[in-house]
Amino acid sequence: NPDEHVNREAIIYINRVSDFLFVAARAVNDNGNADVLWIPGKNR
């Protein structure tokens, strides 16, 4: 709803948590292999 106010600090916090989770997942998944490049529509 466009009339609802979202706490700015909550948005910042959620953004930081998502950054942390992304980096943590990359660290856990790191096994020396290169990342797989995703090309839209290639596997269709």
PDB file of N, CA and C in Angstrom:
ATOM      1  N   ASN A   1       0.844  -1.180   0.000  1.00  0.00           N
ATOM      2  CA  ASN A   1       0.000   0.000   0.000  1.00  0.00           C
ATOM      3  C   ASN A   1       0.887   1.240   0.000  1.00  0.00           C
ATOM      4  N   PRO A   2       0.732   2.157  -0.949  1.00  0.00           N
ATOM      5  CA  PRO A   2       1.590   3.343  -1.030  1.00  0.00           C
ATOM      6  C   PRO A   2       1.434   4.290   0.153  1.00  0.00           C
ATOM      7  N   ASP A   3       0.326   4.193   0.886  1.00  0.00           N
ATOM      8  CA  ASP A   3       0.107   5.097   2.014  1.00  0.00           C
ATOM      9  C   ASP A   3       0.785   4.620   3.296  1.00  0.00           C
ATOM     10  N   GLU A   4       1.305   3.395   3.306  1.00  0.00           N
ATOM     11  CA  GLU A   4       1.948   2.874   4.503  1.00  0.00           C
ATOM     12  C   GLU A   4       3.383   3.367   4.592  1.00  0.00           C
ATOM     13  N   HIS A   5       3.809   3.659   5.813  1.00  0.00           N
ATOM     14  CA  HIS A   5       5.177   4.108   6.054  1.00  0.00           C
ATOM     15  C   HIS A   5       6.009   2.930   6.540  1.00  0.00           C
ATOM     16  N   VAL A   6       7.174   2.755   5.934  1.00  0.00           N
ATOM     17  CA  VAL A   6       8.086   1.703   6.364  1.00  0.00           C
ATOM     18  C   VAL A   6       9.254   2.374   7.073  1.00  0.00           C
ATOM     19  N   ASN A   7       9.564   1.874   8.242  1.00  0.00           N
ATOM     20  CA  ASN A   7      10.647   2.427   9.039  1.00  0.00           C
ATOM     21  C   ASN A   7      11.956   2.363   8.254  1.00  0.00           C
ATOM     22  N   ARG A   8      12.617   3.502   8.096  1.00  0.00           N
ATOM     23  CA  ARG A   8      13.859   3.577   7.324  1.00  0.00           C
ATOM     24  C   ARG A   8      14.937   2.680   7.917  1.00  0.00           C
ATOM     25  N   GLU A   9      15.036   2.656   9.240  1.00  0.00           N
ATOM     26  CA  GLU A   9      16.040   1.819   9.900  1.00  0.00           C
ATOM     27  C   GLU A   9      15.797   0.337   9.623  1.00  0.00           C
ATOM     28  N   ALA A  10      14.528  -0.050   9.524  1.00  0.00           N
ATOM     29  CA  ALA A  10      14.207  -1.447   9.223  1.00  0.00           C
ATOM     30  C   ALA A  10      14.682  -1.816   7.821  1.00  0.00           C
ATOM     31  N   ILE A  11      14.501  -0.914   6.880  1.00  0.00           N
ATOM     32  CA  ILE A  11      14.947  -1.169   5.506  1.00  0.00           C
ATOM     33  C   ILE A  11      16.466  -1.296   5.467  1.00  0.00           C
ATOM     34  N   ILE A  12      17.162  -0.398   6.158  1.00  0.00           N
ATOM     35  CA  ILE A  12      18.627  -0.451   6.203  1.00  0.00           C
ATOM     36  C   ILE A  12      19.088  -1.756   6.841  1.00  0.00           C
ATOM     37  N   TYR A  13      18.442  -2.143   7.944  1.00  0.00           N
ATOM     38  CA  TYR A  13      18.804  -3.378   8.642  1.00  0.00           C
ATOM     39  C   TYR A  13      18.598  -4.595   7.744  1.00  0.00           C
ATOM     40  N   ILE A  14      17.462  -4.666   7.091  1.00  0.00           N
ATOM     41  CA  ILE A  14      17.177  -5.803   6.206  1.00  0.00           C
ATOM     42  C   ILE A  14      18.178  -5.851   5.057  1.00  0.00           C
ATOM     43  N   ASN A  15      18.557  -4.695   4.535  1.00  0.00           N
ATOM     44  CA  ASN A  15      19.544  -4.650   3.466  1.00  0.00           C
ATOM     45  C   ASN A  15      20.886  -5.184   3.948  1.00  0.00           C
ATOM     46  N   ARG A  16      21.298  -4.792   5.157  1.00  0.00           N
ATOM     47  CA  ARG A  16      22.580  -5.266   5.711  1.00  0.00           C
ATOM     48  C   ARG A  16      22.545  -6.765   5.965  1.00  0.00           C
ATOM     49  N   VAL A  17      21.428  -7.252   6.474  1.00  0.00           N
ATOM     50  CA  VAL A  17      21.302  -8.692   6.724  1.00  0.00           C
ATOM     51  C   VAL A  17      21.370  -9.459   5.411  1.00  0.00           C
ATOM     52  N   SER A  18      20.722  -8.947   4.370  1.00  0.00           N
ATOM     53  CA  SER A  18      20.760  -9.639   3.080  1.00  0.00           C
ATOM     54  C   SER A  18      22.175  -9.636   2.506  1.00  0.00           C
ATOM     55  N   ASP A  19      22.909  -8.525   2.681  1.00  0.00           N
ATOM     56  CA  ASP A  19      24.308  -8.483   2.244  1.00  0.00           C
ATOM     57  C   ASP A  19      25.128  -9.543   2.974  1.00  0.00           C
ATOM     58  N   PHE A  20      24.944  -9.620   4.298  1.00  0.00           N
ATOM     59  CA  PHE A  20      25.675 -10.607   5.096  1.00  0.00           C
ATOM     60  C   PHE A  20      25.348 -12.024   4.647  1.00  0.00           C
ATOM     61  N   LEU A  21      24.069 -12.316   4.453  1.00  0.00           N
ATOM     62  CA  LEU A  21      23.672 -13.664   4.051  1.00  0.00           C
ATOM     63  C   LEU A  21      24.235 -14.024   2.677  1.00  0.00           C
ATOM     64  N   PHE A  22      24.285 -13.059   1.769  1.00  0.00           N
ATOM     65  CA  PHE A  22      24.855 -13.304   0.448  1.00  0.00           C
ATOM     66  C   PHE A  22      26.333 -13.661   0.565  1.00  0.00           C
ATOM     67  N   VAL A  23      27.079 -12.863   1.332  1.00  0.00           N
ATOM     68  CA  VAL A  23      28.514 -13.103   1.494  1.00  0.00           C
ATOM     69  C   VAL A  23      28.759 -14.410   2.243  1.00  0.00           C
ATOM     70  N   ALA A  24      27.967 -14.687   3.272  1.00  0.00           N
ATOM     71  CA  ALA A  24      28.121 -15.929   4.028  1.00  0.00           C
ATOM     72  C   ALA A  24      27.861 -17.141   3.141  1.00  0.00           C
ATOM     73  N   ALA A  25      26.838 -17.067   2.305  1.00  0.00           N
ATOM     74  CA  ALA A  25      26.537 -18.175   1.398  1.00  0.00           C
ATOM     75  C   ALA A  25      27.661 -18.380   0.398  1.00  0.00           C
ATOM     76  N   ARG A  26      28.223 -17.292  -0.099  1.00  0.00           N
ATOM     77  CA  ARG A  26      29.351 -17.408  -1.032  1.00  0.00           C
ATOM     78  C   ARG A  26      30.548 -18.048  -0.350  1.00  0.00           C
ATOM     79  N   ALA A  27      30.814 -17.669   0.897  1.00  0.00           N
ATOM     80  CA  ALA A  27      31.951 -18.228   1.631  1.00  0.00           C
ATOM     81  C   ALA A  27      31.749 -19.716   1.893  1.00  0.00           C
ATOM     82  N   VAL A  28      30.549 -20.106   2.277  1.00  0.00           N
ATOM     83  CA  VAL A  28      30.258 -21.512   2.556  1.00  0.00           C
ATOM     84  C   VAL A  28      30.333 -22.336   1.277  1.00  0.00           C
ATOM     85  N   ASN A  29      29.900 -21.765   0.168  1.00  0.00           N
ATOM     86  CA  ASN A  29      29.856 -22.480  -1.102  1.00  0.00           C
ATOM     87  C   ASN A  29      31.200 -22.473  -1.825  1.00  0.00           C
ATOM     88  N   ASP A  30      32.150 -21.681  -1.358  1.00  0.00           N
ATOM     89  CA  ASP A  30      33.432 -21.542  -2.054  1.00  0.00           C
ATOM     90  C   ASP A  30      34.224 -22.837  -1.957  1.00  0.00           C
ATOM     91  N   ASN A  31      34.402 -23.487  -3.076  1.00  0.00           N
ATOM     92  CA  ASN A  31      35.202 -24.710  -3.103  1.00  0.00           C
ATOM     93  C   ASN A  31      36.268 -24.634  -4.192  1.00  0.00           C
ATOM     94  N   GLY A  32      36.641 -23.424  -4.543  1.00  0.00           N
ATOM     95  CA  GLY A  32      37.693 -23.229  -5.520  1.00  0.00           C
ATOM     96  C   GLY A  32      37.228 -23.205  -6.959  1.00  0.00           C
ATOM     97  N   ASN A  33      35.964 -23.450  -7.200  1.00  0.00           N
ATOM     98  CA  ASN A  33      35.436 -23.428  -8.562  1.00  0.00           C
ATOM     99  C   ASN A  33      34.959 -22.029  -8.926  1.00  0.00           C
ATOM    100  N   ALA A  34      35.024 -21.732 -10.197  1.00  0.00           N
ATOM    101  CA  ALA A  34      34.534 -20.441 -10.674  1.00  0.00           C
ATOM    102  C   ALA A  34      33.006 -20.421 -10.624  1.00  0.00           C
ATOM    103  N   ASP A  35      32.456 -19.230 -10.542  1.00  0.00           N
ATOM    104  CA  ASP A  35      31.004 -19.085 -10.562  1.00  0.00           C
ATOM    105  C   ASP A  35      30.466 -19.467 -11.938  1.00  0.00           C
ATOM    106  N   VAL A  36      29.246 -19.963 -11.949  1.00  0.00           N
ATOM    107  CA  VAL A  36      28.578 -20.296 -13.207  1.00  0.00           C
ATOM    108  C   VAL A  36      27.882 -19.041 -13.712  1.00  0.00           C
ATOM    109  N   LEU A  37      28.185 -18.657 -14.932  1.00  0.00           N
ATOM    110  CA  LEU A  37      27.559 -17.485 -15.523  1.00  0.00           C
ATOM    111  C   LEU A  37      26.165 -17.860 -16.001  1.00  0.00           C
ATOM    112  N   TRP A  38      25.167 -17.151 -15.486  1.00  0.00           N
ATOM    113  CA  TRP A  38      23.787 -17.405 -15.881  1.00  0.00           C
ATOM    114  C   TRP A  38      23.467 -16.576 -17.110  1.00  0.00           C
ATOM    115  N   ILE A  39      23.025 -17.236 -18.164  1.00  0.00           N
ATOM    116  CA  ILE A  39      22.623 -16.554 -19.391  1.00  0.00           C
ATOM    117  C   ILE A  39      21.136 -16.820 -19.579  1.00  0.00           C
ATOM    118  N   PRO A  40      20.304 -15.772 -19.493  1.00  0.00           N
ATOM    119  CA  PRO A  40      18.853 -15.957 -19.605  1.00  0.00           C
ATOM    120  C   PRO A  40      18.467 -16.645 -20.913  1.00  0.00           C
ATOM    121  N   GLY A  41      17.618 -17.652 -20.810  1.00  0.00           N
ATOM    122  CA  GLY A  41      17.103 -18.332 -21.988  1.00  0.00           C
ATOM    123  C   GLY A  41      18.005 -19.398 -22.574  1.00  0.00           C
ATOM    124  N   LYS A  42      19.215 -19.537 -22.064  1.00  0.00           N
ATOM    125  CA  LYS A  42      20.152 -20.503 -22.641  1.00  0.00           C
ATOM    126  C   LYS A  42      19.697 -21.944 -22.437  1.00  0.00           C
ATOM    127  N   ASN A  43      19.099 -22.242 -21.294  1.00  0.00           N
ATOM    128  CA  ASN A  43      18.702 -23.617 -20.985  1.00  0.00           C
ATOM    129  C   ASN A  43      17.258 -23.924 -21.362  1.00  0.00           C
ATOM    130  N   ARG A  44      16.677 -23.143 -22.196  1.00  0.00           N
ATOM    131  CA  ARG A  44      15.284 -23.376 -22.580  1.00  0.00           C
ATOM    132  C   ARG A  44      15.198 -24.215 -23.812  1.00  0.00           C
TER     133      ARG A  44
END
